[in-house]
Amino acid sequence: MSYDHVIYERRGHVAYVTLNRPERMNALDAHSHAELIEIFDGFERDPDAWLAIITGAGDRAFCAGNDLKATAQASANGEQRVGRDARFAAITRGYDCPKPLIAAVNGVAAGGGFEIALACDVVIAADTARFGLPEPRVGLIAGAGGIHRLTRQIPLKQAMGMLMTGRLIDGEEGHRLGFVNEVVPAAQLMDAAERWASEMLECSPLLLQITKESAQQGFGLSIDEAIALDWEERIPRMLASEDYVEGPKAFAEKRAPVWTGR
């Protein structure tokens, strides 16, 4: 299926989501959000899509965030631009799909663009990438989770320094702070993202999803509480799965496992 502002394709078990408004630095308007919601809801339902790589078209920007020109026009028309329950870019709020998400950041990831990257599990940055939450500079806050994810993913003082200045930092600094997994030359970005995807595909897709669920739901719990929840809700699913049988069997037979995700 084709879209106006996003390119979506699946190759094997990997879904590719490309934000496709390079003339606007891949900034997102209401139509973009609607397309992304449809895409990611479909990705969640597709049993053959095991993980997704998210990137931006062109070489300038991953995503410059909210389309401020569209926001200004909507305000001039007296429209409410963003509702309380809005799902910015589909994955930043209210998206419980536990499939792995990889952000391949090819340029500027500012505002909502950075919030998309922070909502992913792994962030690969080109050496041309820039990250920041400059919303206060334009009369906004990072309301799609950027404030809360950044302060939980890196040390508080460094996060507050970024939030209180709105400055952009490069991928190397992001890697040092801890929200970037790897920095590579721009020409090698997708190769690096696909390398990470290939390593994930060596694992059971079901057990990766269970692992992500466990990590996310364990925040705010004590270790003992989190382990108890695993034994109550997740380990029984693991024990009942085909992949639980296949993994040890493949290891014993000295072959690569054939995962089903069931």
C-alpha atoms as a PDB file:
ATOM      1  CA  MET A   1       0.000   0.000   0.000  1.00  0.00           C
ATOM      2  CA  SER A   2       1.308   3.455  -0.891  1.00  0.00           C
ATOM      3  CA  TYR A   3       1.244   6.558   1.287  1.00  0.00           C
ATOM      4  CA  ASP A   4       1.796  10.252   0.672  1.00  0.00           C
ATOM      5  CA  HIS A   5       4.232  11.132   3.462  1.00  0.00           C
ATOM      6  CA  VAL A   6       5.692   7.761   4.439  1.00  0.00           C
ATOM      7  CA  ILE A   7       7.258   4.876   2.544  1.00  0.00           C
ATOM      8  CA  TYR A   8       6.498   1.441   3.977  1.00  0.00           C
ATOM      9  CA  GLU A   9       7.870  -1.875   2.815  1.00  0.00           C
ATOM     10  CA  ARG A  10       8.669  -5.230   4.327  1.00  0.00           C
ATOM     11  CA  ARG A  11      11.671  -7.283   3.267  1.00  0.00           C
ATOM     12  CA  GLY A  12      11.536 -10.683   4.840  1.00  0.00           C
ATOM     13  CA  HIS A  13      10.806 -10.164   8.517  1.00  0.00           C
ATOM     14  CA  VAL A  14      12.065  -6.557   8.593  1.00  0.00           C
ATOM     15  CA  ALA A  15       9.681  -3.620   8.091  1.00  0.00           C
ATOM     16  CA  TYR A  16      11.126  -0.351   6.767  1.00  0.00           C
ATOM     17  CA  VAL A  17       9.380   2.897   7.651  1.00  0.00           C
ATOM     18  CA  THR A  18      10.786   5.954   5.863  1.00  0.00           C
ATOM     19  CA  LEU A  19       9.495   9.421   6.711  1.00  0.00           C
ATOM     20  CA  ASN A  20       9.184  10.948   3.264  1.00  0.00           C
ATOM     21  CA  ARG A  21       8.881  14.730   3.254  1.00  0.00           C
ATOM     22  CA  PRO A  22      12.511  15.662   2.538  1.00  0.00           C
ATOM     23  CA  GLU A  23      11.496  19.098   1.247  1.00  0.00           C
ATOM     24  CA  ARG A  24      10.182  19.803   4.784  1.00  0.00           C
ATOM     25  CA  MET A  25      13.018  17.955   6.552  1.00  0.00           C
ATOM     26  CA  ASN A  26      10.506  15.126   7.094  1.00  0.00           C
ATOM     27  CA  ALA A  27       8.479  17.254   9.517  1.00  0.00           C
ATOM     28  CA  LEU A  28       5.146  15.702  10.449  1.00  0.00           C
ATOM     29  CA  ASP A  29       1.693  17.165   9.873  1.00  0.00           C
ATOM     30  CA  ALA A  30      -1.716  15.704  10.697  1.00  0.00           C
ATOM     31  CA  HIS A  31      -1.739  13.618   7.507  1.00  0.00           C
ATOM     32  CA  SER A  32       1.691  12.178   8.377  1.00  0.00           C
ATOM     33  CA  HIS A  33       0.490  11.116  11.806  1.00  0.00           C
ATOM     34  CA  ALA A  34      -2.581   9.412  10.363  1.00  0.00           C
ATOM     35  CA  GLU A  35      -0.434   7.455   7.916  1.00  0.00           C
ATOM     36  CA  LEU A  36       2.043   6.435  10.614  1.00  0.00           C
ATOM     37  CA  ILE A  37      -0.765   5.239  12.883  1.00  0.00           C
ATOM     38  CA  GLU A  38      -2.138   3.071  10.083  1.00  0.00           C
ATOM     39  CA  ILE A  39       1.344   1.742   9.278  1.00  0.00           C
ATOM     40  CA  PHE A  40       2.382   0.885  12.820  1.00  0.00           C
ATOM     41  CA  ASP A  41      -0.984  -0.633  13.700  1.00  0.00           C
ATOM     42  CA  GLY A  42      -0.598  -2.822  10.610  1.00  0.00           C
ATOM     43  CA  PHE A  43       2.979  -3.678  11.589  1.00  0.00           C
ATOM     44  CA  GLU A  44       1.736  -4.781  15.006  1.00  0.00           C
ATOM     45  CA  ARG A  45      -0.871  -7.085  13.426  1.00  0.00           C
ATOM     46  CA  ASP A  46       1.481  -8.599  10.809  1.00  0.00           C
ATOM     47  CA  PRO A  47       2.847 -11.889  12.216  1.00  0.00           C
ATOM     48  CA  ASP A  48       5.627 -11.929   9.616  1.00  0.00           C
ATOM     49  CA  ALA A  49       6.923  -8.451  10.518  1.00  0.00           C
ATOM     50  CA  TRP A  50       9.287  -9.133  13.411  1.00  0.00           C
ATOM     51  CA  LEU A  51      11.002  -5.760  13.751  1.00  0.00           C
ATOM     52  CA  ALA A  52      11.087  -2.334  12.125  1.00  0.00           C
ATOM     53  CA  ILE A  53      13.755   0.134  11.009  1.00  0.00           C
ATOM     54  CA  ILE A  54      12.650   3.782  10.996  1.00  0.00           C
ATOM     55  CA  THR A  55      14.577   6.399   9.007  1.00  0.00           C
ATOM     56  CA  GLY A  56      14.112   9.596   7.028  1.00  0.00           C
ATOM     57  CA  ALA A  57      14.256  10.335   3.316  1.00  0.00           C
ATOM     58  CA  GLY A  58      17.123  12.451   2.016  1.00  0.00           C
ATOM     59  CA  ASP A  59      20.383  13.297   3.726  1.00  0.00           C
ATOM     60  CA  ARG A  60      19.402  16.387   5.767  1.00  0.00           C
ATOM     61  CA  ALA A  61      16.961  15.120   8.340  1.00  0.00           C
ATOM     62  CA  PHE A  62      15.608  12.064  10.088  1.00  0.00           C
ATOM     63  CA  CYS A  63      12.659  14.188  11.200  1.00  0.00           C
ATOM     64  CA  ALA A  64      12.510  17.861  12.161  1.00  0.00           C
ATOM     65  CA  GLY A  65       9.509  17.137  14.362  1.00  0.00           C
ATOM     66  CA  ASN A  66       6.188  18.920  14.277  1.00  0.00           C
ATOM     67  CA  ASP A  67       5.451  20.839  11.072  1.00  0.00           C
ATOM     68  CA  LEU A  68       5.409  24.332  12.581  1.00  0.00           C
ATOM     69  CA  LYS A  69       4.099  25.932   9.390  1.00  0.00           C
ATOM     70  CA  ALA A  70       1.084  23.629   9.500  1.00  0.00           C
ATOM     71  CA  THR A  71       0.697  24.388  13.217  1.00  0.00           C
ATOM     72  CA  ALA A  72       0.800  28.129  12.592  1.00  0.00           C
ATOM     73  CA  GLN A  73      -1.773  27.837   9.811  1.00  0.00           C
ATOM     74  CA  ALA A  74      -4.068  25.712  11.971  1.00  0.00           C
ATOM     75  CA  SER A  75      -3.800  28.236  14.797  1.00  0.00           C
ATOM     76  CA  ALA A  76      -4.592  31.074  12.404  1.00  0.00           C
ATOM     77  CA  ASN A  77      -7.701  29.157  11.324  1.00  0.00           C
ATOM     78  CA  GLY A  78      -8.754  28.696  14.957  1.00  0.00           C
ATOM     79  CA  GLU A  79      -8.213  24.940  14.860  1.00  0.00           C
ATOM     80  CA  GLN A  80      -7.012  22.811  17.775  1.00  0.00           C
ATOM     81  CA  ARG A  81      -3.846  21.334  16.347  1.00  0.00           C
ATOM     82  CA  VAL A  82      -3.115  18.553  18.840  1.00  0.00           C
ATOM     83  CA  GLY A  83      -5.584  16.786  21.100  1.00  0.00           C
ATOM     84  CA  ARG A  84      -4.927  15.371  24.559  1.00  0.00           C
ATOM     85  CA  ASP A  85      -4.958  11.796  23.283  1.00  0.00           C
ATOM     86  CA  ALA A  86      -3.010  12.395  20.079  1.00  0.00           C
ATOM     87  CA  ARG A  87      -0.616   9.609  19.039  1.00  0.00           C
ATOM     88  CA  PHE A  88       2.295  11.658  17.724  1.00  0.00           C
ATOM     89  CA  ALA A  89       4.022   9.578  15.036  1.00  0.00           C
ATOM     90  CA  ALA A  90       2.075   6.519  16.281  1.00  0.00           C
ATOM     91  CA  ILE A  91       4.801   5.094  18.535  1.00  0.00           C
ATOM     92  CA  THR A  92       5.454   7.857  21.082  1.00  0.00           C
ATOM     93  CA  ARG A  93       2.317   7.274  23.154  1.00  0.00           C
ATOM     94  CA  GLY A  94      -0.183   4.497  23.677  1.00  0.00           C
ATOM     95  CA  TYR A  95       1.693   2.047  21.450  1.00  0.00           C
ATOM     96  CA  ASP A  96       2.119  -1.238  23.295  1.00  0.00           C
ATOM     97  CA  CYS A  97       3.504  -3.343  20.448  1.00  0.00           C
ATOM     98  CA  PRO A  98       6.550  -5.143  21.893  1.00  0.00           C
ATOM     99  CA  LYS A  99       8.300  -5.730  18.565  1.00  0.00           C
ATOM    100  CA  PRO A 100      11.810  -4.228  18.364  1.00  0.00           C
ATOM    101  CA  LEU A 101      12.163  -0.787  16.783  1.00  0.00           C
ATOM    102  CA  ILE A 102      15.453   0.521  15.374  1.00  0.00           C
ATOM    103  CA  ALA A 103      15.913   4.216  14.576  1.00  0.00           C
ATOM    104  CA  ALA A 104      18.415   4.867  11.769  1.00  0.00           C
ATOM    105  CA  VAL A 105      18.995   8.593  12.261  1.00  0.00           C
ATOM    106  CA  ASN A 106      20.343  10.066   9.052  1.00  0.00           C
ATOM    107  CA  GLY A 107      20.364  13.776   9.934  1.00  0.00           C
ATOM    108  CA  VAL A 108      18.536  16.209  12.174  1.00  0.00           C
ATOM    109  CA  ALA A 109      16.284  14.574  14.773  1.00  0.00           C
ATOM    110  CA  ALA A 110      14.771  17.572  16.504  1.00  0.00           C
ATOM    111  CA  GLY A 111      11.664  17.911  18.636  1.00  0.00           C
ATOM    112  CA  GLY A 112       9.236  15.201  17.644  1.00  0.00           C
ATOM    113  CA  GLY A 113      11.920  13.596  15.503  1.00  0.00           C
ATOM    114  CA  PHE A 114      14.059  13.066  18.583  1.00  0.00           C
ATOM    115  CA  GLU A 115      10.977  11.828  20.431  1.00  0.00           C
ATOM    116  CA  ILE A 116      10.503   9.165  17.746  1.00  0.00           C
ATOM    117  CA  ALA A 117      14.114   8.041  18.171  1.00  0.00           C
ATOM    118  CA  LEU A 118      13.785   7.974  21.969  1.00  0.00           C
ATOM    119  CA  ALA A 119      10.700   5.748  21.593  1.00  0.00           C
ATOM    120  CA  CYS A 120      12.778   3.183  19.691  1.00  0.00           C
ATOM    121  CA  ASP A 121      14.761   0.393  21.333  1.00  0.00           C
ATOM    122  CA  VAL A 122      18.018   0.951  19.446  1.00  0.00           C
ATOM    123  CA  VAL A 123      19.319   4.192  17.907  1.00  0.00           C
ATOM    124  CA  ILE A 124      21.950   4.118  15.154  1.00  0.00           C
ATOM    125  CA  ALA A 125      23.229   7.574  14.227  1.00  0.00           C
ATOM    126  CA  ALA A 126      24.990   8.804  11.136  1.00  0.00           C
ATOM    127  CA  ASP A 127      27.959  11.049  11.850  1.00  0.00           C
ATOM    128  CA  THR A 128      25.801  13.839  10.406  1.00  0.00           C
ATOM    129  CA  ALA A 129      22.981  13.297  12.929  1.00  0.00           C
ATOM    130  CA  ARG A 130      21.892  16.010  15.351  1.00  0.00           C
ATOM    131  CA  PHE A 131      19.554  15.507  18.319  1.00  0.00           C
ATOM    132  CA  GLY A 132      17.638  17.921  20.510  1.00  0.00           C
ATOM    133  CA  LEU A 133      14.342  19.079  22.003  1.00  0.00           C
ATOM    134  CA  PRO A 134      14.181  22.780  21.083  1.00  0.00           C
ATOM    135  CA  GLU A 135      10.441  23.157  21.703  1.00  0.00           C
ATOM    136  CA  PRO A 136      10.746  25.908  24.374  1.00  0.00           C
ATOM    137  CA  ARG A 137      12.513  28.060  21.772  1.00  0.00           C
ATOM    138  CA  VAL A 138       9.311  28.083  19.689  1.00  0.00           C
ATOM    139  CA  GLY A 139       6.742  28.275  22.479  1.00  0.00           C
ATOM    140  CA  LEU A 140       6.152  24.547  22.988  1.00  0.00           C
ATOM    141  CA  ILE A 141       7.176  21.653  25.212  1.00  0.00           C
ATOM    142  CA  ALA A 142       8.271  18.190  24.141  1.00  0.00           C
ATOM    143  CA  GLY A 143       4.837  16.745  24.780  1.00  0.00           C
ATOM    144  CA  ALA A 144       5.219  13.440  22.940  1.00  0.00           C
ATOM    145  CA  GLY A 145       7.324  11.857  25.653  1.00  0.00           C
ATOM    146  CA  GLY A 146      10.661  13.522  24.997  1.00  0.00           C
ATOM    147  CA  ILE A 147      10.925  15.113  28.442  1.00  0.00           C
ATOM    148  CA  HIS A 148      10.155  11.873  30.247  1.00  0.00           C
ATOM    149  CA  ARG A 149      12.101   9.480  28.036  1.00  0.00           C
ATOM    150  CA  LEU A 150      15.244  11.618  27.935  1.00  0.00           C
ATOM    151  CA  THR A 151      15.338  12.041  31.726  1.00  0.00           C
ATOM    152  CA  ARG A 152      15.001   8.257  32.109  1.00  0.00           C
ATOM    153  CA  GLN A 153      17.503   7.272  29.441  1.00  0.00           C
ATOM    154  CA  ILE A 154      20.464   9.483  30.378  1.00  0.00           C
ATOM    155  CA  PRO A 155      21.726  11.101  33.611  1.00  0.00           C
ATOM    156  CA  LEU A 156      19.330  13.734  34.926  1.00  0.00           C
ATOM    157  CA  LYS A 157      21.680  16.732  34.874  1.00  0.00           C
ATOM    158  CA  GLN A 158      22.693  16.080  31.267  1.00  0.00           C
ATOM    159  CA  ALA A 159      19.054  15.615  30.279  1.00  0.00           C
ATOM    160  CA  MET A 160      18.009  18.816  32.016  1.00  0.00           C
ATOM    161  CA  GLY A 161      20.870  20.654  30.358  1.00  0.00           C
ATOM    162  CA  MET A 162      19.501  19.666  26.960  1.00  0.00           C
ATOM    163  CA  LEU A 163      15.902  20.409  27.951  1.00  0.00           C
ATOM    164  CA  MET A 164      16.666  23.791  29.511  1.00  0.00           C
ATOM    165  CA  THR A 165      18.678  25.063  26.529  1.00  0.00           C
ATOM    166  CA  GLY A 166      17.023  23.350  23.571  1.00  0.00           C
ATOM    167  CA  ARG A 167      20.468  22.837  22.064  1.00  0.00           C
ATOM    168  CA  LEU A 168      21.247  20.173  19.480  1.00  0.00           C
ATOM    169  CA  ILE A 169      24.039  17.672  20.035  1.00  0.00           C
ATOM    170  CA  ASP A 170      25.786  15.347  17.624  1.00  0.00           C
ATOM    171  CA  GLY A 171      25.697  11.571  17.527  1.00  0.00           C
ATOM    172  CA  GLU A 172      29.024  11.145  19.291  1.00  0.00           C
ATOM    173  CA  GLU A 173      27.766  13.126  22.286  1.00  0.00           C
ATOM    174  CA  GLY A 174      24.526  11.152  22.165  1.00  0.00           C
ATOM    175  CA  HIS A 175      26.574   7.963  22.268  1.00  0.00           C
ATOM    176  CA  ARG A 176      28.593   9.241  25.218  1.00  0.00           C
ATOM    177  CA  LEU A 177      25.401  10.197  27.071  1.00  0.00           C
ATOM    178  CA  GLY A 178      23.846   6.826  26.326  1.00  0.00           C
ATOM    179  CA  PHE A 179      20.814   7.293  24.075  1.00  0.00           C
ATOM    180  CA  VAL A 180      22.711   6.355  20.892  1.00  0.00           C
ATOM    181  CA  ASN A 181      23.914   2.770  20.451  1.00  0.00           C
ATOM    182  CA  GLU A 182      26.334   3.330  17.579  1.00  0.00           C
ATOM    183  CA  VAL A 183      27.631   6.133  15.359  1.00  0.00           C
ATOM    184  CA  VAL A 184      28.709   5.356  11.794  1.00  0.00           C
ATOM    185  CA  PRO A 185      29.596   7.298   8.639  1.00  0.00           C
ATOM    186  CA  ALA A 186      26.432   8.454   6.891  1.00  0.00           C
ATOM    187  CA  ALA A 187      27.038   6.170   3.906  1.00  0.00           C
ATOM    188  CA  GLN A 188      27.087   3.146   6.239  1.00  0.00           C
ATOM    189  CA  LEU A 189      23.966   3.986   8.241  1.00  0.00           C
ATOM    190  CA  MET A 190      21.499   1.526   6.752  1.00  0.00           C
ATOM    191  CA  ASP A 191      24.125  -1.217   6.615  1.00  0.00           C
ATOM    192  CA  ALA A 192      24.668  -0.731  10.342  1.00  0.00           C
ATOM    193  CA  ALA A 193      20.928  -0.708  11.091  1.00  0.00           C
ATOM    194  CA  GLU A 194      20.472  -3.893   9.054  1.00  0.00           C
ATOM    195  CA  ARG A 195      23.396  -5.496  10.879  1.00  0.00           C
ATOM    196  CA  TRP A 196      21.613  -4.842  14.184  1.00  0.00           C
ATOM    197  CA  ALA A 197      18.391  -6.177  12.640  1.00  0.00           C
ATOM    198  CA  SER A 198      20.174  -9.335  11.458  1.00  0.00           C
ATOM    199  CA  GLU A 199      21.506  -9.980  14.951  1.00  0.00           C
ATOM    200  CA  MET A 200      17.997  -9.546  16.346  1.00  0.00           C
ATOM    201  CA  LEU A 201      16.645 -11.985  13.763  1.00  0.00           C
ATOM    202  CA  GLU A 202      19.013 -14.617  15.134  1.00  0.00           C
ATOM    203  CA  CYS A 203      16.894 -14.517  18.292  1.00  0.00           C
ATOM    204  CA  SER A 204      13.377 -15.829  18.751  1.00  0.00           C
ATOM    205  CA  PRO A 205      10.996 -13.020  17.773  1.00  0.00           C
ATOM    206  CA  LEU A 206       8.581 -14.129  20.484  1.00  0.00           C
ATOM    207  CA  LEU A 207      11.232 -14.076  23.185  1.00  0.00           C
ATOM    208  CA  LEU A 208      12.461 -10.654  22.031  1.00  0.00           C
ATOM    209  CA  GLN A 209       8.922  -9.361  22.424  1.00  0.00           C
ATOM    210  CA  ILE A 210       8.601 -10.929  25.861  1.00  0.00           C
ATOM    211  CA  THR A 211      11.980  -9.455  26.827  1.00  0.00           C
ATOM    212  CA  LYS A 212      10.885  -5.971  25.726  1.00  0.00           C
ATOM    213  CA  GLU A 213       7.617  -6.303  27.614  1.00  0.00           C
ATOM    214  CA  SER A 214       9.497  -7.361  30.733  1.00  0.00           C
ATOM    215  CA  ALA A 215      11.926  -4.458  30.539  1.00  0.00           C
ATOM    216  CA  GLN A 216       9.207  -1.869  29.962  1.00  0.00           C
ATOM    217  CA  GLN A 217       6.792  -3.147  32.589  1.00  0.00           C
ATOM    218  CA  GLY A 218       9.554  -3.566  35.139  1.00  0.00           C
ATOM    219  CA  PHE A 219      10.210   0.182  35.361  1.00  0.00           C
ATOM    220  CA  GLY A 220       9.087   1.471  38.728  1.00  0.00           C
ATOM    221  CA  LEU A 221       8.979  -1.983  40.295  1.00  0.00           C
ATOM    222  CA  SER A 222      11.445  -3.567  42.670  1.00  0.00           C
ATOM    223  CA  ILE A 223      13.563  -6.375  41.209  1.00  0.00           C
ATOM    224  CA  ASP A 224      11.574  -8.972  43.146  1.00  0.00           C
ATOM    225  CA  GLU A 225       8.264  -7.492  41.963  1.00  0.00           C
ATOM    226  CA  ALA A 226       9.457  -7.444  38.359  1.00  0.00           C
ATOM    227  CA  ILE A 227      10.650 -11.066  38.544  1.00  0.00           C
ATOM    228  CA  ALA A 228       7.353 -12.125  40.098  1.00  0.00           C
ATOM    229  CA  LEU A 229       5.484 -10.449  37.253  1.00  0.00           C
ATOM    230  CA  ASP A 230       7.662 -12.302  34.739  1.00  0.00           C
ATOM    231  CA  TRP A 231       6.793 -15.636  36.353  1.00  0.00           C
ATOM    232  CA  GLU A 232       3.134 -14.742  36.476  1.00  0.00           C
ATOM    233  CA  GLU A 233       2.664 -13.360  32.974  1.00  0.00           C
ATOM    234  CA  ARG A 234       5.631 -14.020  30.672  1.00  0.00           C
ATOM    235  CA  ILE A 235       7.551 -17.150  31.555  1.00  0.00           C
ATOM    236  CA  PRO A 236       4.422 -19.325  31.165  1.00  0.00           C
ATOM    237  CA  ARG A 237       4.100 -17.950  27.603  1.00  0.00           C
ATOM    238  CA  MET A 238       7.737 -18.813  26.970  1.00  0.00           C
ATOM    239  CA  LEU A 239       7.339 -22.357  28.310  1.00  0.00           C
ATOM    240  CA  ALA A 240       4.265 -22.952  26.146  1.00  0.00           C
ATOM    241  CA  SER A 241       5.895 -21.690  22.938  1.00  0.00           C
ATOM    242  CA  GLU A 242       7.283 -23.577  19.940  1.00  0.00           C
ATOM    243  CA  ASP A 243      10.410 -21.398  20.049  1.00  0.00           C
ATOM    244  CA  TYR A 244      11.150 -22.603  23.599  1.00  0.00           C
ATOM    245  CA  VAL A 245      11.311 -26.147  22.217  1.00  0.00           C
ATOM    246  CA  GLU A 246      13.201 -25.186  19.064  1.00  0.00           C
ATOM    247  CA  GLY A 247      15.994 -23.174  20.694  1.00  0.00           C
ATOM    248  CA  PRO A 248      17.557 -25.885  22.895  1.00  0.00           C
ATOM    249  CA  LYS A 249      16.913 -28.508  20.201  1.00  0.00           C
ATOM    250  CA  ALA A 250      18.791 -26.482  17.572  1.00  0.00           C
ATOM    251  CA  PHE A 251      21.637 -25.858  20.023  1.00  0.00           C
ATOM    252  CA  ALA A 252      21.944 -29.580  20.774  1.00  0.00           C
ATOM    253  CA  GLU A 253      21.891 -30.399  17.054  1.00  0.00           C
ATOM    254  CA  LYS A 254      24.508 -27.701  16.305  1.00  0.00           C
ATOM    255  CA  ARG A 255      22.354 -25.870  13.768  1.00  0.00           C
ATOM    256  CA  ALA A 256      20.693 -22.518  13.430  1.00  0.00           C
ATOM    257  CA  PRO A 257      17.209 -22.451  14.989  1.00  0.00           C
ATOM    258  CA  VAL A 258      14.155 -22.095  12.779  1.00  0.00           C
ATOM    259  CA  TRP A 259      11.999 -19.634  14.659  1.00  0.00           C
ATOM    260  CA  THR A 260       8.249 -19.407  14.188  1.00  0.00           C
ATOM    261  CA  GLY A 261       7.495 -16.666  16.694  1.00  0.00           C
ATOM    262  CA  ARG A 262       4.928 -18.919  18.301  1.00  0.00           C
END
